[in-house]
Amino acid sequence: QERFVESGGGSVQPGGSLRLSCVVSLSRFRDYNMHWSRQVPGKQRELIATITTEGMTIYEYSAKGRFIISRDNGKNMVYLQMNSLKPEDTAVYFCGTGGSSWGQGTQVTVSS
């Protein structure tokens, strides 16, 4: 049964960095595209980064140039390096394979 466990969130000042990690329990992990999304209360979930099975990366406009998604197929891990964080990046961040398949999330708060 699939399971996604995110970690690495926290509070950071504007301009700071955080690295999110996601442990994935999924058979044939390497055969799945993996995603990071985020959600603010009262708003729709926003897909922000994707890494394909071949390692190609795709970013939502606001994340491009600041966030880096990566994966380690040997460890069943997905990462999101977030740099130059802004207050508007404050949200709960989720990893998953998309659709309804997401973890419980990790809170990221960017505030001075």
C-alpha atoms as a PDB file:
ATOM      1  CA  GLN A   1       0.000   0.000   0.000  1.00  0.00           C
ATOM      2  CA  GLU A   2       1.354   3.397  -0.924  1.00  0.00           C
ATOM      3  CA  ARG A   3       2.424   5.793   1.780  1.00  0.00           C
ATOM      4  CA  PHE A   4       4.149   9.170   1.705  1.00  0.00           C
ATOM      5  CA  VAL A   5       5.749  10.753   4.786  1.00  0.00           C
ATOM      6  CA  GLU A   6       6.969  14.333   4.477  1.00  0.00           C
ATOM      7  CA  SER A   7       9.409  16.057   6.816  1.00  0.00           C
ATOM      8  CA  GLY A   8      11.681  19.081   6.958  1.00  0.00           C
ATOM      9  CA  GLY A   9       9.151  21.860   7.270  1.00  0.00           C
ATOM     10  CA  GLY A  10       9.431  24.651   9.792  1.00  0.00           C
ATOM     11  CA  SER A  11       9.621  28.396  10.263  1.00  0.00           C
ATOM     12  CA  VAL A  12      12.121  30.472   8.340  1.00  0.00           C
ATOM     13  CA  GLN A  13      12.703  34.147   7.602  1.00  0.00           C
ATOM     14  CA  PRO A  14      12.179  35.544   4.105  1.00  0.00           C
ATOM     15  CA  GLY A  15      15.165  34.743   1.944  1.00  0.00           C
ATOM     16  CA  GLY A  16      15.926  31.580   3.872  1.00  0.00           C
ATOM     17  CA  SER A  17      16.027  27.975   2.738  1.00  0.00           C
ATOM     18  CA  LEU A  18      14.470  24.676   3.684  1.00  0.00           C
ATOM     19  CA  ARG A  19      14.891  21.148   2.370  1.00  0.00           C
ATOM     20  CA  LEU A  20      11.828  18.947   2.457  1.00  0.00           C
ATOM     21  CA  SER A  21      12.128  15.175   2.356  1.00  0.00           C
ATOM     22  CA  CYS A  22       9.569  12.517   1.563  1.00  0.00           C
ATOM     23  CA  VAL A  23       9.865   8.816   2.344  1.00  0.00           C
ATOM     24  CA  VAL A  24       7.836   6.844  -0.175  1.00  0.00           C
ATOM     25  CA  SER A  25       6.460   3.375   0.471  1.00  0.00           C
ATOM     26  CA  LEU A  26       5.500   2.235  -2.994  1.00  0.00           C
ATOM     27  CA  SER A  27       6.427  -0.825  -4.949  1.00  0.00           C
ATOM     28  CA  ARG A  28       8.196   0.021  -8.193  1.00  0.00           C
ATOM     29  CA  PHE A  29       8.839   3.584  -6.961  1.00  0.00           C
ATOM     30  CA  ARG A  30      11.096   4.253  -9.920  1.00  0.00           C
ATOM     31  CA  ASP A  31       8.137   3.744 -12.282  1.00  0.00           C
ATOM     32  CA  TYR A  32       6.205   6.731 -10.911  1.00  0.00           C
ATOM     33  CA  ASN A  33       6.427  10.427 -11.580  1.00  0.00           C
ATOM     34  CA  MET A  34       6.610  12.188  -8.224  1.00  0.00           C
ATOM     35  CA  HIS A  35       5.192  15.554  -7.260  1.00  0.00           C
ATOM     36  CA  TRP A  36       5.310  18.204  -4.580  1.00  0.00           C
ATOM     37  CA  SER A  37       2.217  20.294  -4.015  1.00  0.00           C
ATOM     38  CA  ARG A  38       1.172  22.846  -1.429  1.00  0.00           C
ATOM     39  CA  GLN A  39      -2.047  24.106   0.048  1.00  0.00           C
ATOM     40  CA  VAL A  40      -3.095  27.142   2.006  1.00  0.00           C
ATOM     41  CA  PRO A  41      -6.280  26.827   4.114  1.00  0.00           C
ATOM     42  CA  GLY A  42      -9.299  27.808   2.080  1.00  0.00           C
ATOM     43  CA  LYS A  43      -7.486  27.495  -1.251  1.00  0.00           C
ATOM     44  CA  GLN A  44      -7.021  24.712  -3.772  1.00  0.00           C
ATOM     45  CA  ARG A  45      -3.975  22.487  -3.741  1.00  0.00           C
ATOM     46  CA  GLU A  46      -1.262  23.845  -6.029  1.00  0.00           C
ATOM     47  CA  LEU A  47       1.118  21.559  -7.887  1.00  0.00           C
ATOM     48  CA  ILE A  48       4.557  23.152  -7.681  1.00  0.00           C
ATOM     49  CA  ALA A  49       7.132  20.598  -8.825  1.00  0.00           C
ATOM     50  CA  THR A  50       7.287  17.290 -10.676  1.00  0.00           C
ATOM     51  CA  ILE A  51      10.109  14.875 -11.337  1.00  0.00           C
ATOM     52  CA  THR A  52       9.522  12.209 -13.941  1.00  0.00           C
ATOM     53  CA  THR A  53      10.716   8.616 -13.961  1.00  0.00           C
ATOM     54  CA  GLU A  54      13.548   9.763 -16.226  1.00  0.00           C
ATOM     55  CA  GLY A  55      14.548  12.615 -13.946  1.00  0.00           C
ATOM     56  CA  MET A  56      13.061  15.448 -15.942  1.00  0.00           C
ATOM     57  CA  THR A  57      11.858  18.275 -13.724  1.00  0.00           C
ATOM     58  CA  ILE A  58       8.897  20.609 -14.193  1.00  0.00           C
ATOM     59  CA  TYR A  59       8.115  23.604 -12.004  1.00  0.00           C
ATOM     60  CA  GLU A  60       5.173  25.873 -11.420  1.00  0.00           C
ATOM     61  CA  TYR A  61       6.037  29.442 -12.382  1.00  0.00           C
ATOM     62  CA  SER A  62       6.518  30.778  -8.844  1.00  0.00           C
ATOM     63  CA  ALA A  63       8.841  27.896  -7.945  1.00  0.00           C
ATOM     64  CA  LYS A  64      11.044  28.033 -11.026  1.00  0.00           C
ATOM     65  CA  GLY A  65      14.552  29.203 -10.252  1.00  0.00           C
ATOM     66  CA  ARG A  66      14.070  28.915  -6.481  1.00  0.00           C
ATOM     67  CA  PHE A  67      13.002  25.308  -5.825  1.00  0.00           C
ATOM     68  CA  ILE A  68      14.732  22.100  -6.866  1.00  0.00           C
ATOM     69  CA  ILE A  69      13.018  18.716  -6.859  1.00  0.00           C
ATOM     70  CA  SER A  70      15.090  15.548  -6.807  1.00  0.00           C
ATOM     71  CA  ARG A  71      14.673  11.850  -6.162  1.00  0.00           C
ATOM     72  CA  ASP A  72      16.754   8.923  -4.974  1.00  0.00           C
ATOM     73  CA  ASN A  73      15.359   5.731  -6.452  1.00  0.00           C
ATOM     74  CA  GLY A  74      17.677   3.604  -4.326  1.00  0.00           C
ATOM     75  CA  LYS A  75      16.229   5.045  -1.126  1.00  0.00           C
ATOM     76  CA  ASN A  76      12.639   5.670  -2.273  1.00  0.00           C
ATOM     77  CA  MET A  77      13.046   9.343  -1.388  1.00  0.00           C
ATOM     78  CA  VAL A  78      11.897  12.593  -2.948  1.00  0.00           C
ATOM     79  CA  TYR A  79      13.308  15.983  -1.960  1.00  0.00           C
ATOM     80  CA  LEU A  80      12.383  19.619  -2.431  1.00  0.00           C
ATOM     81  CA  GLN A  81      15.136  22.171  -1.893  1.00  0.00           C
ATOM     82  CA  MET A  82      13.509  25.563  -1.400  1.00  0.00           C
ATOM     83  CA  ASN A  83      15.648  28.695  -1.607  1.00  0.00           C
ATOM     84  CA  SER A  84      14.895  32.419  -1.467  1.00  0.00           C
ATOM     85  CA  LEU A  85      11.695  31.692   0.398  1.00  0.00           C
ATOM     86  CA  LYS A  86       8.953  34.305   0.430  1.00  0.00           C
ATOM     87  CA  PRO A  87       5.999  34.832   2.801  1.00  0.00           C
ATOM     88  CA  GLU A  88       3.685  33.688   0.021  1.00  0.00           C
ATOM     89  CA  ASP A  89       5.397  30.278   0.108  1.00  0.00           C
ATOM     90  CA  THR A  90       3.772  29.670   3.492  1.00  0.00           C
ATOM     91  CA  ALA A  91       1.642  26.528   3.133  1.00  0.00           C
ATOM     92  CA  VAL A  92       1.413  22.850   3.945  1.00  0.00           C
ATOM     93  CA  TYR A  93       3.609  20.942   1.512  1.00  0.00           C
ATOM     94  CA  PHE A  94       2.736  17.451   0.290  1.00  0.00           C
ATOM     95  CA  CYS A  95       4.496  14.830  -1.777  1.00  0.00           C
ATOM     96  CA  GLY A  96       2.785  12.102  -3.748  1.00  0.00           C
ATOM     97  CA  THR A  97       2.005  10.567  -7.068  1.00  0.00           C
ATOM     98  CA  GLY A  98      -0.868  12.946  -7.730  1.00  0.00           C
ATOM     99  CA  GLY A  99      -4.638  12.563  -7.868  1.00  0.00           C
ATOM    100  CA  SER A 100      -5.690  11.621  -4.356  1.00  0.00           C
ATOM    101  CA  SER A 101      -2.327  10.051  -3.479  1.00  0.00           C
ATOM    102  CA  TRP A 102      -0.574  12.441  -1.125  1.00  0.00           C
ATOM    103  CA  GLY A 103       1.004  12.334   2.296  1.00  0.00           C
ATOM    104  CA  GLN A 104      -0.118  14.183   5.404  1.00  0.00           C
ATOM    105  CA  GLY A 105       2.073  17.169   4.645  1.00  0.00           C
ATOM    106  CA  THR A 106       4.621  19.323   6.428  1.00  0.00           C
ATOM    107  CA  GLN A 107       4.048  22.949   7.399  1.00  0.00           C
ATOM    108  CA  VAL A 108       6.300  25.651   5.987  1.00  0.00           C
ATOM    109  CA  THR A 109       6.011  29.141   7.448  1.00  0.00           C
ATOM    110  CA  VAL A 110       7.964  32.070   6.018  1.00  0.00           C
ATOM    111  CA  SER A 111       7.771  35.131   8.203  1.00  0.00           C
ATOM    112  CA  SER A 112       9.952  37.829   9.676  1.00  0.00           C
END
